[in-house]
């Protein structure tokens, strides 16, 4: 056997080059997923069971919906800090409208459900419309615009409820959209899969998707090439809000109450899911399939920490650390790509 130091060194160099190439092409997410599965499967025998993994997919579906919307804002070089407020306002207004309609029309439950969902969607999308107008027309910084609207929306949600959960929604709403199953698969997973398919088509096969990538890559060049950058920036934030409202309605069905504080962690977690999945904070780079996988990864981490009985406050710390590590990994990856191109 040829176990000379030169051979060992060459093998080591080949493995390093292979890992570096995989990192450049795939990003940090596959490595984190493998590490997550190994660590938590060692910490808990229940982690890799089919029942637990299905529960992780269901729990992750709400974050995946919001993260797909957040990706649209990130692609343009911005981000949306109001997605949590959009969830909360959608939940509160939807629940209040649904409860009132069910009381007024006890024999027309599904009409009450539809009216409630429309009311919640309208409330949530109104936040994103204001965001879109501020960012695209008045050139307000996405950070200030969405942070301000997050405060406004949260204040409205608390004023409507007084901080008290909203009850009285029809049981059919929760049993269908929150706890419903088809072939053993929970309803939120079907909704997430449908939205993923739509987003994939929009981003890869439509002019809107190409223009969003172009705007994030170079806003000035996009404008000079004839792209209506204001319109597409506006659409990016409106679609981001639309996806967040759908997540808000689905989460309300799961909780069977309207809550003013259900989306508090969504801004951080949705940005973390995108960045971990390789969506660049500079804009113009990202894949929607990877974003959904990033949301599943965060769900796996949270589930694993729950099974390991790690304190809930420490879980927030871990998510923040993962976000920082993902940003650092993105910087390293960009440098490696630049070296390869040179």
Protein backbone atom coordinates (compact mmCIF):
# COMPACT_ATOMS: atom_id res chain seq x y z
CA UNK A 1 0.00 0.00 0.00
CA UNK A 2 1.13 3.52 -0.83
CA UNK A 3 0.76 5.42 2.45
CA UNK A 4 3.59 7.87 1.88
CA UNK A 5 3.26 11.38 3.37
CA UNK A 6 2.93 12.77 -0.15
CA UNK A 7 -0.03 10.50 -0.93
CA UNK A 8 -1.72 11.34 2.37
CA UNK A 9 -1.17 15.05 1.77
CA UNK A 10 -2.58 14.79 -1.75
CA UNK A 11 -5.67 12.92 -0.51
CA UNK A 12 -6.19 15.55 2.18
CA UNK A 13 -5.85 18.30 -0.40
CA UNK A 14 -8.35 16.58 -2.71
CA UNK A 15 -10.91 16.24 0.12
CA UNK A 16 -10.44 19.89 1.04
CA UNK A 17 -10.93 20.99 -2.56
CA UNK A 18 -14.05 18.83 -2.85
CA UNK A 19 -15.54 20.32 0.32
CA UNK A 20 -14.68 23.82 -0.86
CA UNK A 21 -16.36 23.20 -4.22
CA UNK A 22 -19.45 21.78 -2.51
CA UNK A 23 -19.58 24.80 -0.21
CA UNK A 24 -19.33 27.23 -3.14
CA UNK A 25 -22.03 25.48 -5.14
CA UNK A 26 -24.46 24.46 -2.38
CA UNK A 27 -23.79 26.94 0.42
CA UNK A 28 -23.66 26.20 4.13
CA UNK A 29 -27.18 24.73 4.49
CA UNK A 30 -26.44 21.07 3.51
CA UNK A 31 -23.57 20.96 6.02
CA UNK A 32 -25.77 22.41 8.77
CA UNK A 33 -28.56 19.94 7.98
CA UNK A 34 -26.23 16.95 8.26
CA UNK A 35 -24.76 18.29 11.51
CA UNK A 36 -28.25 18.94 12.90
CA UNK A 37 -29.46 15.41 12.10
CA UNK A 38 -26.37 13.80 13.65
CA UNK A 39 -26.36 15.87 16.85
CA UNK A 40 -30.06 15.72 17.70
CA UNK A 41 -30.47 12.05 16.74
CA UNK A 42 -27.73 11.33 19.30
CA UNK A 43 -29.46 13.50 21.91
CA UNK A 44 -32.94 11.98 21.47
CA UNK A 45 -34.19 8.63 20.16
CA UNK A 46 -37.47 10.25 19.11
CA UNK A 47 -35.89 12.82 16.79
CA UNK A 48 -35.75 10.74 13.60
CA UNK A 49 -39.11 9.01 14.03
CA UNK A 50 -41.63 9.44 11.21
CA UNK A 51 -44.19 11.02 13.53
CA UNK A 52 -41.73 13.62 14.80
CA UNK A 53 -40.44 14.50 11.34
CA UNK A 54 -44.01 14.99 10.08
CA UNK A 55 -44.62 17.26 13.05
CA UNK A 56 -41.48 19.25 12.14
CA UNK A 57 -42.69 19.67 8.55
CA UNK A 58 -46.09 20.91 9.77
CA UNK A 59 -44.53 23.34 12.23
CA UNK A 60 -42.01 24.55 9.65
CA UNK A 61 -44.68 25.17 7.00
CA UNK A 62 -45.77 28.49 8.56
CA UNK A 63 -42.20 29.79 8.64
CA UNK A 64 -41.63 28.51 5.10
CA UNK A 65 -44.56 30.59 3.80
CA UNK A 66 -43.23 33.74 5.45
CA UNK A 67 -39.63 33.01 4.39
CA UNK A 68 -40.67 32.66 0.73
CA UNK A 69 -42.16 36.14 0.97
CA UNK A 70 -39.14 37.48 2.80
CA UNK A 71 -36.99 36.14 -0.03
CA UNK A 72 -38.77 38.45 -2.49
CA UNK A 73 -37.81 41.50 -0.44
CA UNK A 74 -34.24 40.24 0.00
CA UNK A 75 -33.86 39.62 -3.73
CA UNK A 76 -34.41 43.34 -4.35
CA UNK A 77 -31.76 44.27 -1.79
CA UNK A 78 -34.19 45.06 1.04
CA UNK A 79 -36.04 43.11 3.72
CA UNK A 80 -39.37 43.21 5.55
CA UNK A 81 -39.41 43.56 9.34
CA UNK A 82 -43.21 43.83 9.41
CA UNK A 83 -44.00 40.21 8.49
CA UNK A 84 -44.67 39.38 12.15
CA UNK A 85 -47.12 42.25 12.45
CA UNK A 86 -48.82 41.18 9.22
CA UNK A 87 -49.37 37.74 10.76
CA UNK A 88 -50.79 39.28 13.94
CA UNK A 89 -53.12 41.74 12.21
CA UNK A 90 -54.31 39.05 9.80
CA UNK A 91 -55.04 36.75 12.71
CA UNK A 92 -56.90 39.33 14.78
CA UNK A 93 -59.01 40.86 12.02
CA UNK A 94 -59.70 37.48 10.42
CA UNK A 95 -60.81 35.96 13.71
CA UNK A 96 -63.00 38.94 14.65
CA UNK A 97 -64.66 39.03 11.22
CA UNK A 98 -65.19 35.28 11.19
CA UNK A 99 -66.64 35.22 14.70
CA UNK A 100 -69.01 38.10 13.97
CA UNK A 101 -70.14 36.56 10.66
CA UNK A 102 -70.69 33.15 12.29
CA UNK A 103 -72.83 34.75 14.99
CA UNK A 104 -74.87 36.70 12.45
CA UNK A 105 -75.20 33.74 10.02
CA UNK A 106 -75.14 30.53 12.08
CA UNK A 107 -76.54 28.50 9.17
CA UNK A 108 -73.90 29.71 6.69
CA UNK A 109 -70.68 28.67 8.38
CA UNK A 110 -68.54 28.44 5.25
CA UNK A 111 -69.64 31.89 4.12
CA UNK A 112 -68.55 33.19 7.52
CA UNK A 113 -65.19 31.43 7.12
CA UNK A 114 -64.66 32.92 3.65
CA UNK A 115 -65.58 36.41 4.86
CA UNK A 116 -63.22 36.08 7.80
CA UNK A 117 -60.36 34.93 5.60
CA UNK A 118 -60.98 37.79 3.17
CA UNK A 119 -61.10 40.29 6.04
CA UNK A 120 -57.83 38.98 7.50
CA UNK A 121 -56.17 38.97 4.09
CA UNK A 122 -57.26 42.56 3.42
CA UNK A 123 -55.92 43.73 6.79
CA UNK A 124 -52.56 42.04 6.30
CA UNK A 125 -52.09 43.10 2.70
CA UNK A 126 -52.81 46.74 3.62
CA UNK A 127 -49.57 46.78 5.66
CA UNK A 128 -47.57 45.46 2.72
CA UNK A 129 -49.16 47.93 0.31
CA UNK A 130 -48.03 50.82 2.51
CA UNK A 131 -44.57 49.24 2.72
CA UNK A 132 -44.43 48.95 -1.06
CA UNK A 133 -45.49 52.55 -1.59
CA UNK A 134 -42.96 53.87 0.93
CA UNK A 135 -40.03 51.87 -0.46
CA UNK A 136 -40.76 52.12 -4.19
CA UNK A 137 -42.25 55.59 -4.59
CA UNK A 138 -40.86 57.63 -1.69
CA UNK A 139 -37.51 55.79 -1.57
CA UNK A 140 -37.76 55.22 2.18
CA UNK A 141 -35.20 52.77 3.55
CA UNK A 142 -36.76 49.27 3.81
CA UNK A 143 -35.45 49.06 7.37
CA UNK A 144 -37.21 52.24 8.54
CA UNK A 145 -40.34 51.69 6.47
CA UNK A 146 -41.04 48.14 7.56
CA UNK A 147 -39.95 48.77 11.15
CA UNK A 148 -42.35 51.71 11.37
CA UNK A 149 -45.23 49.72 9.89
CA UNK A 150 -44.45 46.85 12.26
CA UNK A 151 -45.03 49.21 15.16
CA UNK A 152 -48.21 50.66 13.61
CA UNK A 153 -49.69 47.26 12.81
CA UNK A 154 -48.87 45.79 16.20
CA UNK A 155 -50.47 48.78 17.92
CA UNK A 156 -53.63 48.37 15.84
CA UNK A 157 -53.80 44.63 16.63
CA UNK A 158 -53.43 45.29 20.36
CA UNK A 159 -56.02 48.09 20.24
CA UNK A 160 -58.54 45.80 18.54
CA UNK A 161 -58.12 43.01 21.07
CA UNK A 162 -56.88 44.71 24.22
CA UNK A 163 -54.29 41.93 24.31
CA UNK A 164 -57.01 39.29 24.76
CA UNK A 165 -57.26 36.33 22.32
CA UNK A 166 -60.23 36.39 19.95
CA UNK A 167 -62.53 33.36 20.23
CA UNK A 168 -65.76 32.34 18.53
CA UNK A 169 -64.53 31.14 15.15
CA UNK A 170 -66.37 28.19 13.55
CA UNK A 171 -64.95 24.79 14.43
CA UNK A 172 -64.83 23.90 10.74
CA UNK A 173 -62.11 26.51 10.16
CA UNK A 174 -59.69 24.92 12.61
CA UNK A 175 -60.57 21.33 11.78
CA UNK A 176 -60.04 21.92 8.05
CA UNK A 177 -57.09 24.32 7.79
CA UNK A 178 -55.41 23.77 11.15
CA UNK A 179 -55.86 20.07 11.94
CA UNK A 180 -57.10 18.67 8.62
CA UNK A 181 -55.21 15.81 6.97
CA UNK A 182 -55.29 14.20 3.54
CA UNK A 183 -53.56 10.82 3.16
CA UNK A 184 -52.06 11.44 6.58
CA UNK A 185 -50.36 14.69 5.56
CA UNK A 186 -51.42 17.90 7.41
CA UNK A 187 -53.18 20.64 5.43
CA UNK A 188 -50.47 23.32 6.03
CA UNK A 189 -47.92 21.14 4.22
CA UNK A 190 -50.16 21.01 1.12
CA UNK A 191 -50.58 24.79 1.21
CA UNK A 192 -46.81 25.28 1.54
CA UNK A 193 -46.14 22.87 -1.34
CA UNK A 194 -48.63 24.73 -3.54
CA UNK A 195 -47.07 28.11 -2.73
CA UNK A 196 -43.60 26.69 -3.37
CA UNK A 197 -44.68 25.52 -6.83
CA UNK A 198 -46.18 28.94 -7.63
CA UNK A 199 -43.11 30.78 -6.37
CA UNK A 200 -40.79 28.52 -8.36
CA UNK A 201 -42.68 29.27 -11.56
CA UNK A 202 -42.83 33.02 -10.84
CA UNK A 203 -39.13 33.36 -10.03
CA UNK A 204 -37.77 31.12 -12.76
CA UNK A 205 -40.20 31.32 -15.66
CA UNK A 206 -41.74 34.80 -15.58
CA UNK A 207 -40.59 38.31 -16.37
CA UNK A 208 -41.42 39.41 -12.82
CA UNK A 209 -38.94 36.90 -11.38
CA UNK A 210 -36.16 37.87 -13.78
CA UNK A 211 -36.70 41.55 -13.04
CA UNK A 212 -36.55 41.02 -9.26
CA UNK A 213 -33.18 39.28 -9.60
CA UNK A 214 -31.99 42.06 -11.92
CA UNK A 215 -33.08 44.82 -9.53
CA UNK A 216 -31.25 43.16 -6.65
CA UNK A 217 -28.16 42.70 -8.78
CA UNK A 218 -27.96 46.33 -9.92
CA UNK A 219 -30.83 48.77 -9.37
CA UNK A 220 -29.40 51.56 -11.52
CA UNK A 221 -28.58 49.26 -14.45
CA UNK A 222 -32.07 47.75 -14.26
CA UNK A 223 -33.63 51.20 -14.44
CA UNK A 224 -31.46 52.19 -17.40
CA UNK A 225 -32.35 48.96 -19.23
CA UNK A 226 -36.02 49.90 -19.17
CA UNK A 227 -37.31 47.92 -16.18
CA UNK A 228 -40.02 49.67 -14.18
CA UNK A 229 -38.12 49.32 -10.92
CA UNK A 230 -40.72 51.13 -8.82
CA UNK A 231 -43.51 48.82 -9.92
CA UNK A 232 -41.49 45.69 -9.28
CA UNK A 233 -40.24 46.88 -5.89
CA UNK A 234 -43.86 47.57 -4.97
CA UNK A 235 -44.93 44.10 -6.14
CA UNK A 236 -42.10 42.46 -4.18
CA UNK A 237 -43.35 43.89 -0.88
CA UNK A 238 -47.01 43.27 -1.67
CA UNK A 239 -46.32 39.62 -2.54
CA UNK A 240 -44.19 39.30 0.58
CA UNK A 241 -47.14 40.51 2.63
CA UNK A 242 -49.56 38.24 0.77
CA UNK A 243 -47.56 35.16 1.70
CA UNK A 244 -47.37 36.34 5.31
CA UNK A 245 -51.16 36.79 5.43
CA UNK A 246 -51.68 33.22 4.20
CA UNK A 247 -49.35 32.01 6.95
CA UNK A 248 -51.29 34.14 9.45
CA UNK A 249 -54.61 32.58 8.44
CA UNK A 250 -53.20 29.04 8.57
CA UNK A 251 -51.61 29.65 11.98
CA UNK A 252 -54.87 31.15 13.28
CA UNK A 253 -56.67 27.98 12.20
CA UNK A 254 -54.12 25.92 14.10
CA UNK A 255 -54.44 28.00 17.28
CA UNK A 256 -58.24 28.37 16.85
CA UNK A 257 -57.93 31.89 18.25
CA UNK A 258 -56.94 35.29 16.93
CA UNK A 259 -53.69 36.39 18.59
CA UNK A 260 -51.97 39.77 18.52
CA UNK A 261 -48.54 38.35 19.33
CA UNK A 262 -48.25 35.22 17.18
CA UNK A 263 -45.66 36.63 14.78
CA UNK A 264 -43.15 38.15 17.18
CA UNK A 265 -40.25 35.88 16.12
CA UNK A 266 -41.10 35.72 12.41
CA UNK A 267 -38.93 38.63 11.16
CA UNK A 268 -35.75 37.16 12.66
CA UNK A 269 -36.58 33.55 11.77
CA UNK A 270 -37.66 34.31 8.20
CA UNK A 271 -34.48 36.31 7.49
CA UNK A 272 -32.43 33.55 9.13
CA UNK A 273 -34.10 30.88 6.97
CA UNK A 274 -33.30 32.87 3.83
CA UNK A 275 -29.71 33.71 4.72
CA UNK A 276 -28.94 30.16 5.84
CA UNK A 277 -30.38 29.01 2.50
CA UNK A 278 -27.93 31.19 0.58
CA UNK A 279 -30.09 34.25 -0.19
CA UNK A 280 -27.68 37.16 -0.33
CA UNK A 281 -28.31 40.23 1.81
CA UNK A 282 -26.91 42.25 -1.09
CA UNK A 283 -29.79 41.12 -3.30
CA UNK A 284 -30.07 39.28 -6.59
CA UNK A 285 -29.12 35.79 -5.33
CA UNK A 286 -31.31 33.01 -3.94
CA UNK A 287 -33.36 29.91 -4.68
CA UNK A 288 -36.86 29.38 -3.35
CA UNK A 289 -36.43 25.63 -2.83
CA UNK A 290 -33.41 26.25 -0.63
CA UNK A 291 -35.39 28.83 1.38
CA UNK A 292 -38.07 26.26 2.21
CA UNK A 293 -35.30 23.84 3.21
CA UNK A 294 -33.84 26.61 5.39
CA UNK A 295 -37.18 26.96 7.18
CA UNK A 296 -37.29 23.18 7.70
CA UNK A 297 -33.74 23.33 9.13
CA UNK A 298 -34.80 25.96 11.69
CA UNK A 299 -37.81 23.80 12.53
CA UNK A 300 -35.51 20.80 13.02
CA UNK A 301 -33.22 22.81 15.31
CA UNK A 302 -36.14 24.08 17.42
CA UNK A 303 -37.69 20.62 17.60
CA UNK A 304 -34.37 19.02 18.52
CA UNK A 305 -33.80 21.57 21.27
CA UNK A 306 -37.31 20.94 22.61
CA UNK A 307 -36.69 17.19 22.71
CA UNK A 308 -33.36 17.86 24.43
CA UNK A 309 -35.22 20.10 26.91
CA UNK A 310 -33.15 23.16 26.14
CA UNK A 311 -34.59 26.36 27.62
CA UNK A 312 -36.83 28.34 25.22
CA UNK A 313 -34.86 31.53 25.83
CA UNK A 314 -31.66 29.78 24.80
CA UNK A 315 -33.38 28.68 21.59
CA UNK A 316 -33.67 32.34 20.58
CA UNK A 317 -29.95 32.72 21.25
CA UNK A 318 -29.20 29.71 19.03
CA UNK A 319 -31.29 31.12 16.14
CA UNK A 320 -29.43 34.43 16.42
CA UNK A 321 -26.05 32.65 16.42
CA UNK A 322 -27.09 30.63 13.35
CA UNK A 323 -28.03 33.85 11.56
CA UNK A 324 -24.63 35.41 12.32
CA UNK A 325 -22.81 32.25 11.23
CA UNK A 326 -24.83 32.15 8.02
CA UNK A 327 -23.91 35.77 7.20
CA UNK A 328 -20.23 35.02 7.87
CA UNK A 329 -20.47 31.89 5.69
CA UNK A 330 -22.05 33.96 2.92
CA UNK A 331 -19.13 36.41 3.05
CA UNK A 332 -16.61 33.55 2.85
CA UNK A 333 -18.52 31.96 0.01
CA UNK A 334 -18.58 35.20 -1.99
CA UNK A 335 -14.80 35.53 -1.58
CA UNK A 336 -14.26 31.96 -2.78
CA UNK A 337 -16.50 32.58 -5.80
CA UNK A 338 -14.52 35.74 -6.61
CA UNK A 339 -11.24 33.78 -6.36
CA UNK A 340 -12.55 31.06 -8.69
CA UNK A 341 -13.71 33.64 -11.23
CA UNK A 342 -10.34 35.40 -11.15
